[in-house]
Amino acid sequence: MIYISKLLDISRKRNLCKYITAIFFALFIIFFLPRNVFAKDNYLSWGAISIGADKCAESINKVYSDTGELNKVKVAVLDTGIDYNHPFLQGRINSCKYDFVDSDNDGMDEQGHGTAVAGIIADVTFDNVQINGYRIADKYGEATCEALYMGISKAISDKVDIINISLVGGNGAKQSQINKIYKLLDKAIANGIIVIIAAGNDGRSTDNVWLANYEPAITVSALGSDGKIASYSNYGKAVDVCAPGSGIYSTALDNRYLTFSGTSMSAAFVTAAVAMICSVNSSMDSQQIEEYLKSYALDLGATGFDKYYGYGKIDLTYVFGGKINNFHGYNIIGGTKIVWNRILGIKSFDIYRKIKGQEYNKIATIKGHRTCYTDTNAVNGASYIYKIVGNNKNIKTAAISSEIYRISA
């Protein structure tokens, strides 16, 4: 087992640049085995199955396999570049011609980290998800603030949907440089781009780790194969969700496949999950995507949010045409309001109502993007039970409310 040390320390020894950000990852090379190109029932790593990618793919296939209606999604990977010649990545790289290290138009990866990140994204998603590679870090994994800034700027101008940044800020950066980068990320989010950032691999709080502590982004911590927080993973109030990060099999240089560990891998899984969501819904903004991920996350650690797991491990099992959660009702002025969670892949909802002991009657059909309905015909003094059924071709999902007593609000 070979351990590649933290590249931030290496960069100081080489003194290649005064102010740097460094790609951080605990990278373990375990074996060199070839791997056949995947089908969606044959994922590269355990991480894809752990986050429910297989179940999500099945649900999407039920609706879209005969129509090809998935949205085109463009993902920016700001990293060491991508080995765009790798056979696993053929047909998945939209562009890899921006090199902000050597200032040329060839973003070929010379280090391997960016190729591993791209492989995870490609492994989880369908071909409608295309990857743009932006080389901002050199063969040692070192990146200047200027290169990071230019990479983000170009990704914005390329109108990508998602930006994946598996970097940790170096201690040598000036606050003015950090502020400049954060302001540019603000612009990206204002333009509808979803930003995913890895928490870092130093086993410390993210409070003073720049990039990881950029609040508007989705910040990701790492899990081991035992489902517990990885010992190397950073933690803190900035962490939103967690994802598999240890022993992740992915693409590597020279047409190989290696096993990687680190929050970079975790961030790639979250990027892929967001891309799957965007594949079936292009109207959700960064905040809505984040809340959607959290609402379906598998709670780990302390109940609710905690500094290690955030709101839990991302879980794609039910995000598409899945469970109706938290279906309940309450009285408002003018009627009874029923609410539920957002569900992707549903074209319409049928709303039913009954009085206990009687049959359900359908009272409305509403569009699938809705998350609430007000029954203006509920009679004061009556007790109702509501049922909601989501519909879309082969997908149906349903939930029943508890009994609601109608009183005048």
Protein backbone atom coordinates (compact mmCIF):
# COMPACT_ATOMS: atom_id res chain seq x y z
CA MET A 1 0.00 0.00 0.00
CA ILE A 2 1.41 3.34 -1.04
CA TYR A 3 0.32 6.53 0.64
CA ILE A 4 0.70 9.80 -1.18
CA SER A 5 1.22 12.49 1.43
CA LYS A 6 -0.74 15.72 1.72
CA LEU A 7 0.15 17.78 -1.28
CA LEU A 8 -0.01 21.05 0.63
CA ASP A 9 3.11 19.97 2.54
CA ILE A 10 4.82 18.90 -0.67
CA SER A 11 4.09 22.26 -2.27
CA ARG A 12 5.84 24.12 0.54
CA LYS A 13 8.95 22.02 0.08
CA ARG A 14 9.03 22.69 -3.63
CA ASN A 15 8.07 26.34 -3.16
CA LEU A 16 6.56 26.42 -6.65
CA CYS A 17 4.27 29.31 -5.91
CA LYS A 18 3.76 31.77 -3.11
CA TYR A 19 0.02 31.49 -2.72
CA ILE A 20 -1.50 28.16 -3.50
CA THR A 21 -4.50 26.04 -3.09
CA ALA A 22 -3.74 22.35 -3.02
CA ILE A 23 -5.68 19.35 -4.12
CA PHE A 24 -6.17 17.41 -0.96
CA PHE A 25 -6.88 13.78 -0.86
CA ALA A 26 -5.76 10.72 1.01
CA LEU A 27 -4.99 8.61 -2.05
CA PHE A 28 -4.24 4.95 -1.63
CA ILE A 29 -3.19 2.85 -4.60
CA ILE A 30 -4.22 -0.67 -3.72
CA PHE A 31 -4.27 -2.68 -6.93
CA PHE A 32 -3.88 -2.41 -10.68
CA LEU A 33 -6.65 -4.43 -12.26
CA PRO A 34 -8.39 -3.83 -15.60
CA ARG A 35 -12.13 -3.34 -15.52
CA ASN A 36 -14.72 -3.75 -18.25
CA VAL A 37 -16.71 -0.72 -19.25
CA PHE A 38 -19.74 -0.60 -17.02
CA ALA A 39 -23.42 -1.03 -17.60
CA LYS A 40 -25.82 0.57 -15.15
CA ASP A 41 -26.15 -2.75 -13.36
CA ASN A 42 -22.37 -3.04 -13.08
CA TYR A 43 -20.91 -0.11 -11.20
CA LEU A 44 -17.21 0.38 -10.59
CA SER A 45 -17.33 0.95 -6.84
CA TRP A 46 -19.31 0.07 -3.75
CA GLY A 47 -19.98 3.78 -3.31
CA ALA A 48 -22.43 3.94 -6.23
CA ILE A 49 -24.58 1.18 -4.74
CA SER A 50 -24.28 2.68 -1.27
CA ILE A 51 -25.89 5.94 -2.40
CA GLY A 52 -28.70 4.13 -4.22
CA ALA A 53 -27.53 4.97 -7.74
CA ASP A 54 -28.76 1.60 -9.01
CA LYS A 55 -32.28 2.11 -7.65
CA CYS A 56 -32.41 5.64 -9.01
CA ALA A 57 -31.30 4.42 -12.44
CA GLU A 58 -34.03 1.78 -12.42
CA SER A 59 -36.68 4.38 -11.63
CA ILE A 60 -35.46 6.75 -14.32
CA ASN A 61 -35.32 3.93 -16.88
CA LYS A 62 -38.96 3.09 -16.23
CA VAL A 63 -40.02 6.52 -17.40
CA TYR A 64 -37.37 7.74 -19.83
CA SER A 65 -35.88 4.67 -21.52
CA ASP A 66 -38.30 4.91 -24.44
CA THR A 67 -38.42 8.69 -24.78
CA GLY A 68 -34.89 10.00 -24.25
CA GLU A 69 -36.26 12.99 -22.36
CA LEU A 70 -33.45 13.39 -19.84
CA ASN A 71 -32.07 16.91 -19.58
CA LYS A 72 -28.56 17.61 -20.78
CA VAL A 73 -26.36 18.33 -17.76
CA LYS A 74 -22.88 19.84 -17.94
CA VAL A 75 -20.48 19.25 -15.03
CA ALA A 76 -17.26 21.22 -14.53
CA VAL A 77 -14.40 19.36 -12.85
CA LEU A 78 -11.78 21.86 -11.65
CA ASP A 79 -8.82 19.67 -10.94
CA THR A 80 -5.58 18.23 -12.37
CA GLY A 81 -7.25 17.82 -15.75
CA ILE A 82 -8.77 14.60 -17.10
CA ASP A 83 -7.29 11.73 -19.07
CA TYR A 84 -9.81 12.15 -21.87
CA ASN A 85 -8.38 9.14 -23.73
CA HIS A 86 -9.43 6.70 -21.00
CA PRO A 87 -11.80 4.12 -22.53
CA PHE A 88 -14.26 4.37 -19.62
CA LEU A 89 -14.69 8.09 -20.24
CA GLN A 90 -15.30 7.92 -23.97
CA GLY A 91 -18.45 9.82 -24.90
CA ARG A 92 -18.57 11.48 -21.47
CA ILE A 93 -16.05 14.32 -21.86
CA ASN A 94 -17.64 17.35 -23.45
CA SER A 95 -14.49 19.47 -23.30
CA CYS A 96 -11.04 19.28 -21.76
CA LYS A 97 -9.17 22.00 -23.59
CA TYR A 98 -8.53 24.54 -20.85
CA ASP A 99 -5.18 24.33 -19.10
CA PHE A 100 -4.60 27.17 -16.64
CA VAL A 101 -1.31 25.65 -15.48
CA ASP A 102 0.62 25.64 -18.75
CA SER A 103 -1.63 28.23 -20.41
CA ASP A 104 -2.51 26.08 -23.39
CA ASN A 105 -5.59 24.36 -24.78
CA ASP A 106 -4.88 20.80 -23.62
CA GLY A 107 -6.26 19.80 -20.22
CA MET A 108 -4.70 16.32 -20.15
CA ASP A 109 -4.25 15.01 -16.61
CA GLU A 110 -0.65 14.41 -15.54
CA GLN A 111 -1.43 13.51 -11.93
CA GLY A 112 -4.53 11.29 -11.91
CA HIS A 113 -6.76 12.97 -9.34
CA GLY A 114 -9.06 14.70 -11.82
CA THR A 115 -9.40 11.49 -13.83
CA ALA A 116 -10.53 9.63 -10.71
CA VAL A 117 -13.12 12.33 -9.92
CA ALA A 118 -14.44 12.25 -13.51
CA GLY A 119 -14.65 8.46 -13.39
CA ILE A 120 -16.88 8.52 -10.30
CA ILE A 121 -19.22 11.05 -11.91
CA ALA A 122 -19.39 9.02 -15.12
CA ASP A 123 -19.92 5.79 -13.17
CA VAL A 124 -23.04 7.02 -11.40
CA THR A 125 -24.68 9.02 -14.18
CA PHE A 126 -26.09 8.49 -17.67
CA ASP A 127 -24.62 9.74 -20.96
CA ASN A 128 -26.75 12.86 -20.82
CA VAL A 129 -24.32 14.09 -18.15
CA GLN A 130 -21.27 15.54 -19.88
CA ILE A 131 -18.04 16.53 -18.14
CA ASN A 132 -15.90 19.61 -18.77
CA GLY A 133 -12.35 19.34 -17.51
CA TYR A 134 -10.46 22.45 -16.40
CA ARG A 135 -6.82 21.86 -15.53
CA ILE A 136 -5.97 24.18 -12.65
CA ALA A 137 -3.49 21.97 -10.77
CA ASP A 138 -0.16 20.56 -11.95
CA LYS A 139 1.34 17.07 -11.81
CA TYR A 140 2.07 17.56 -8.12
CA GLY A 141 -1.52 18.53 -7.34
CA GLU A 142 -0.61 22.17 -6.72
CA ALA A 143 -2.75 25.05 -7.92
CA THR A 144 -2.45 28.80 -7.69
CA CYS A 145 -5.31 31.01 -6.62
CA GLU A 146 -5.11 32.61 -10.04
CA ALA A 147 -5.59 29.29 -11.81
CA LEU A 148 -8.56 28.43 -9.59
CA TYR A 149 -10.11 31.82 -10.28
CA MET A 150 -9.67 31.45 -14.04
CA GLY A 151 -11.10 27.94 -13.96
CA ILE A 152 -14.22 29.06 -12.12
CA SER A 153 -14.59 32.04 -14.43
CA LYS A 154 -14.37 29.86 -17.52
CA ALA A 155 -16.84 27.37 -16.13
CA ILE A 156 -19.30 30.21 -15.57
CA SER A 157 -18.85 31.49 -19.13
CA ASP A 158 -19.31 27.93 -20.42
CA LYS A 159 -22.69 27.88 -18.66
CA VAL A 160 -22.12 24.63 -16.80
CA ASP A 161 -24.79 23.35 -14.44
CA ILE A 162 -22.53 22.04 -11.68
CA ILE A 163 -19.01 22.85 -10.48
CA ASN A 164 -17.03 20.21 -8.60
CA ILE A 165 -14.07 21.55 -6.60
CA SER A 166 -11.96 19.00 -4.76
CA LEU A 167 -9.47 21.50 -3.40
CA VAL A 168 -8.45 22.74 -0.01
CA GLY A 169 -7.24 26.27 0.43
CA GLY A 170 -3.57 26.73 1.23
CA ASN A 171 -2.47 28.73 4.26
CA GLY A 172 -0.41 31.07 2.09
CA ALA A 173 -3.38 32.67 0.36
CA LYS A 174 -4.20 36.25 1.25
CA GLN A 175 -7.67 37.06 2.53
CA SER A 176 -8.13 39.35 -0.47
CA GLN A 177 -7.53 36.38 -2.78
CA ILE A 178 -9.98 34.22 -0.86
CA ASN A 179 -12.60 36.96 -0.96
CA LYS A 180 -12.11 37.35 -4.69
CA ILE A 181 -12.67 33.63 -5.27
CA TYR A 182 -15.70 33.56 -2.96
CA LYS A 183 -17.19 36.53 -4.81
CA LEU A 184 -16.76 34.65 -8.08
CA LEU A 185 -18.44 31.58 -6.60
CA ASP A 186 -21.30 33.88 -5.54
CA LYS A 187 -21.61 34.83 -9.19
CA ALA A 188 -21.66 31.19 -10.22
CA ILE A 189 -24.51 30.41 -7.82
CA ALA A 190 -26.38 33.56 -8.88
CA ASN A 191 -26.15 32.20 -12.43
CA GLY A 192 -27.85 28.98 -11.33
CA ILE A 193 -24.71 26.85 -11.00
CA ILE A 194 -24.59 24.34 -8.15
CA VAL A 195 -21.20 24.24 -6.40
CA ILE A 196 -19.98 21.11 -4.60
CA ILE A 197 -16.81 21.27 -2.46
CA ALA A 198 -14.97 18.53 -0.58
CA ALA A 199 -14.44 19.08 3.16
CA GLY A 200 -10.76 18.10 3.24
CA ASN A 201 -8.64 15.27 4.56
CA ASP A 202 -6.83 16.68 7.59
CA GLY A 203 -9.19 15.31 10.25
CA ARG A 204 -9.88 18.82 11.54
CA SER A 205 -12.62 21.41 11.64
CA THR A 206 -13.57 23.18 8.45
CA ASP A 207 -14.12 26.44 10.34
CA ASN A 208 -10.80 27.86 9.19
CA VAL A 209 -10.39 25.82 6.00
CA TRP A 210 -11.19 28.06 3.07
CA LEU A 211 -13.19 26.71 0.18
CA ALA A 212 -14.60 24.06 2.54
CA ASN A 213 -16.10 26.83 4.69
CA TYR A 214 -17.75 28.59 1.74
CA GLU A 215 -21.29 28.50 3.10
CA PRO A 216 -23.41 28.65 -0.11
CA ALA A 217 -21.75 25.53 -1.53
CA ILE A 218 -22.67 21.93 -0.73
CA THR A 219 -19.74 20.76 1.41
CA VAL A 220 -19.14 17.02 1.70
CA SER A 221 -17.45 14.83 4.31
CA ALA A 222 -16.28 11.24 3.73
CA LEU A 223 -17.54 7.86 4.91
CA GLY A 224 -15.61 4.63 5.17
CA SER A 225 -17.03 1.35 3.89
CA ASP A 226 -18.30 0.70 7.44
CA GLY A 227 -20.68 3.64 7.07
CA LYS A 228 -18.87 5.72 9.68
CA ILE A 229 -17.07 9.01 9.23
CA ALA A 230 -13.59 8.42 7.83
CA SER A 231 -10.76 9.20 10.24
CA TYR A 232 -9.14 11.58 7.75
CA SER A 233 -12.30 13.53 6.93
CA ASN A 234 -12.64 17.14 7.99
CA TYR A 235 -15.79 18.03 9.88
CA GLY A 236 -17.64 21.08 11.15
CA LYS A 237 -20.66 23.31 10.76
CA ALA A 238 -19.91 23.79 7.05
CA VAL A 239 -20.55 20.10 6.29
CA ASP A 240 -23.92 19.63 4.59
CA VAL A 241 -23.94 15.94 3.68
CA CYS A 242 -21.60 12.97 3.53
CA ALA A 243 -20.89 10.28 0.96
CA PRO A 244 -18.64 7.23 0.46
CA GLY A 245 -15.00 8.21 0.27
CA SER A 246 -12.80 5.23 1.19
CA GLY A 247 -11.70 2.44 -1.12
CA ILE A 248 -13.41 3.89 -4.19
CA TYR A 249 -12.53 2.15 -7.44
CA SER A 250 -12.27 4.59 -10.34
CA THR A 251 -10.47 5.55 -13.51
CA ALA A 252 -6.73 6.28 -13.47
CA LEU A 253 -4.00 7.34 -15.86
CA ASP A 254 -2.74 5.03 -18.61
CA ASN A 255 -6.13 3.33 -19.07
CA ARG A 256 -5.96 1.82 -15.58
CA TYR A 257 -8.37 1.58 -12.67
CA LEU A 258 -7.19 2.20 -9.11
CA THR A 259 -8.70 2.51 -5.65
CA PHE A 260 -8.83 5.98 -4.12
CA SER A 261 -9.80 7.37 -0.73
CA GLY A 262 -10.64 10.91 0.32
CA THR A 263 -13.32 13.55 0.51
CA SER A 264 -12.60 14.29 -3.14
CA MET A 265 -14.28 10.98 -3.92
CA SER A 266 -17.21 11.88 -1.66
CA ALA A 267 -17.67 15.22 -3.39
CA ALA A 268 -17.68 13.45 -6.75
CA PHE A 269 -20.52 11.19 -5.60
CA VAL A 270 -22.55 14.20 -4.50
CA THR A 271 -21.81 15.92 -7.81
CA ALA A 272 -23.08 12.83 -9.61
CA ALA A 273 -26.19 12.74 -7.42
CA VAL A 274 -26.95 16.38 -8.19
CA ALA A 275 -26.44 15.67 -11.89
CA MET A 276 -29.00 12.85 -11.68
CA ILE A 277 -31.49 15.21 -10.06
CA CYS A 278 -30.84 17.87 -12.72
CA SER A 279 -31.37 15.20 -15.38
CA VAL A 280 -35.06 15.10 -14.56
CA ASN A 281 -35.58 18.61 -13.16
CA SER A 282 -33.75 21.68 -14.41
CA SER A 283 -35.78 24.26 -12.49
CA MET A 284 -34.36 23.77 -8.99
CA ASP A 285 -31.75 26.26 -7.80
CA SER A 286 -28.73 25.53 -5.63
CA GLN A 287 -30.61 26.00 -2.37
CA GLN A 288 -33.49 23.80 -3.48
CA ILE A 289 -31.10 21.06 -4.63
CA GLU A 290 -29.33 21.17 -1.28
CA GLU A 291 -32.60 20.95 0.64
CA TYR A 292 -33.75 18.12 -1.62
CA LEU A 293 -30.57 16.13 -0.93
CA LYS A 294 -30.95 16.72 2.79
CA SER A 295 -34.60 15.67 2.82
CA TYR A 296 -33.70 12.25 1.40
CA ALA A 297 -30.38 11.83 3.23
CA LEU A 298 -29.91 8.85 5.53
CA ASP A 299 -29.42 10.37 8.97
CA LEU A 300 -26.19 9.20 10.61
CA GLY A 301 -24.57 10.10 13.91
CA ALA A 302 -26.59 12.36 16.18
CA THR A 303 -30.23 12.89 15.19
CA GLY A 304 -30.56 15.64 12.60
CA PHE A 305 -27.56 17.76 11.74
CA ASP A 306 -24.19 17.04 13.28
CA LYS A 307 -20.70 18.26 12.46
CA TYR A 308 -19.40 14.94 11.14
CA TYR A 309 -22.18 13.72 8.85
CA GLY A 310 -24.02 16.96 8.17
CA TYR A 311 -27.64 15.99 7.49
CA GLY A 312 -26.59 12.46 6.55
CA LYS A 313 -25.45 10.27 3.69
CA ILE A 314 -26.87 11.15 0.30
CA ASP A 315 -29.38 8.54 -0.83
CA LEU A 316 -30.72 8.45 -4.39
CA THR A 317 -32.98 5.46 -3.73
CA TYR A 318 -36.18 7.50 -3.50
CA VAL A 319 -35.30 10.88 -4.95
CA PHE A 320 -36.91 9.99 -8.27
CA GLY A 321 -40.54 8.95 -8.10
CA GLY A 322 -39.93 7.81 -4.55
CA LYS A 323 -41.60 8.00 -1.20
CA ILE A 324 -43.96 10.75 -0.23
CA ASN A 325 -42.60 11.87 3.11
CA ASN A 326 -44.07 14.06 5.82
CA PHE A 327 -47.57 14.08 4.29
CA HIS A 328 -49.80 15.96 6.69
CA GLY A 329 -52.46 18.65 6.87
CA TYR A 330 -53.56 21.57 8.97
CA ASN A 331 -56.26 24.21 9.05
CA ILE A 332 -55.78 27.63 7.48
CA ILE A 333 -58.16 30.47 6.72
CA GLY A 334 -60.43 29.28 3.95
CA GLY A 335 -59.70 25.56 4.06
CA THR A 336 -57.50 22.64 5.02
CA LYS A 337 -53.95 22.61 3.64
CA ILE A 338 -52.08 19.38 2.96
CA VAL A 339 -48.35 19.37 2.28
CA TRP A 340 -45.66 16.86 1.28
CA ASN A 341 -42.08 16.67 0.06
CA ARG A 342 -40.96 17.46 -3.47
CA ILE A 343 -40.68 14.36 -5.68
CA LEU A 344 -38.97 14.24 -9.07
CA GLY A 345 -40.35 12.30 -12.01
CA ILE A 346 -44.02 12.78 -11.11
CA LYS A 347 -46.21 14.34 -13.80
CA SER A 348 -49.31 14.79 -11.66
CA PHE A 349 -50.84 14.14 -8.25
CA ASP A 350 -54.37 12.92 -7.61
CA ILE A 351 -55.81 14.19 -4.31
CA TYR A 352 -58.41 12.06 -2.51
CA ARG A 353 -60.47 12.76 0.59
CA LYS A 354 -62.77 10.70 2.78
CA ILE A 355 -64.59 10.75 6.07
CA LYS A 356 -63.54 7.90 8.33
CA GLY A 357 -65.48 4.73 7.52
CA GLN A 358 -66.41 5.89 4.01
CA GLU A 359 -64.82 5.56 0.56
CA TYR A 360 -62.24 7.96 -0.89
CA ASN A 361 -63.40 10.54 -3.42
CA LYS A 362 -60.99 12.25 -5.78
CA ILE A 363 -61.19 15.99 -5.24
CA ALA A 364 -58.38 17.31 -7.45
CA THR A 365 -55.57 16.57 -9.91
CA ILE A 366 -52.57 18.89 -9.73
CA LYS A 367 -49.18 19.19 -11.45
CA GLY A 368 -46.29 17.05 -10.25
CA HIS A 369 -44.05 19.91 -9.17
CA ARG A 370 -46.51 20.92 -6.46
CA THR A 371 -45.84 20.24 -2.77
CA CYS A 372 -49.14 21.44 -1.28
CA TYR A 373 -52.87 21.67 -1.91
CA THR A 374 -55.64 23.56 -0.13
CA ASP A 375 -59.03 21.89 0.20
CA THR A 376 -61.41 24.86 0.19
CA ASN A 377 -64.48 22.61 0.38
CA ALA A 378 -63.68 21.05 3.75
CA VAL A 379 -66.62 21.48 6.09
CA ASN A 380 -66.11 22.94 9.55
CA GLY A 381 -66.56 20.33 12.25
CA ALA A 382 -65.84 17.36 9.96
CA SER A 383 -62.89 14.95 10.26
CA TYR A 384 -61.11 14.03 7.02
CA ILE A 385 -58.43 11.62 5.87
CA TYR A 386 -56.54 12.59 2.71
CA LYS A 387 -54.69 10.42 0.22
CA ILE A 388 -52.30 11.59 -2.47
CA VAL A 389 -51.17 9.51 -5.46
CA GLY A 390 -48.33 10.55 -7.75
CA ASN A 391 -48.45 9.41 -11.38
CA ASN A 392 -45.97 9.09 -14.23
CA LYS A 393 -46.12 6.11 -16.60
CA ASN A 394 -44.62 3.16 -14.70
CA ILE A 395 -44.04 5.10 -11.48
CA LYS A 396 -46.70 5.50 -8.84
CA THR A 397 -46.24 6.69 -5.30
CA ALA A 398 -48.84 7.24 -2.61
CA ALA A 399 -49.33 8.37 0.96
CA ILE A 400 -52.24 8.73 3.39
CA SER A 401 -52.58 11.43 6.00
CA SER A 402 -53.64 11.01 9.58
CA GLU A 403 -57.17 12.13 10.44
CA ILE A 404 -57.56 15.91 10.27
CA TYR A 405 -60.38 17.64 12.16
CA ARG A 406 -61.61 20.69 10.24
CA ILE A 407 -62.18 23.77 12.34
CA SER A 408 -62.49 27.36 11.26
CA ALA A 409 -59.00 28.90 11.34
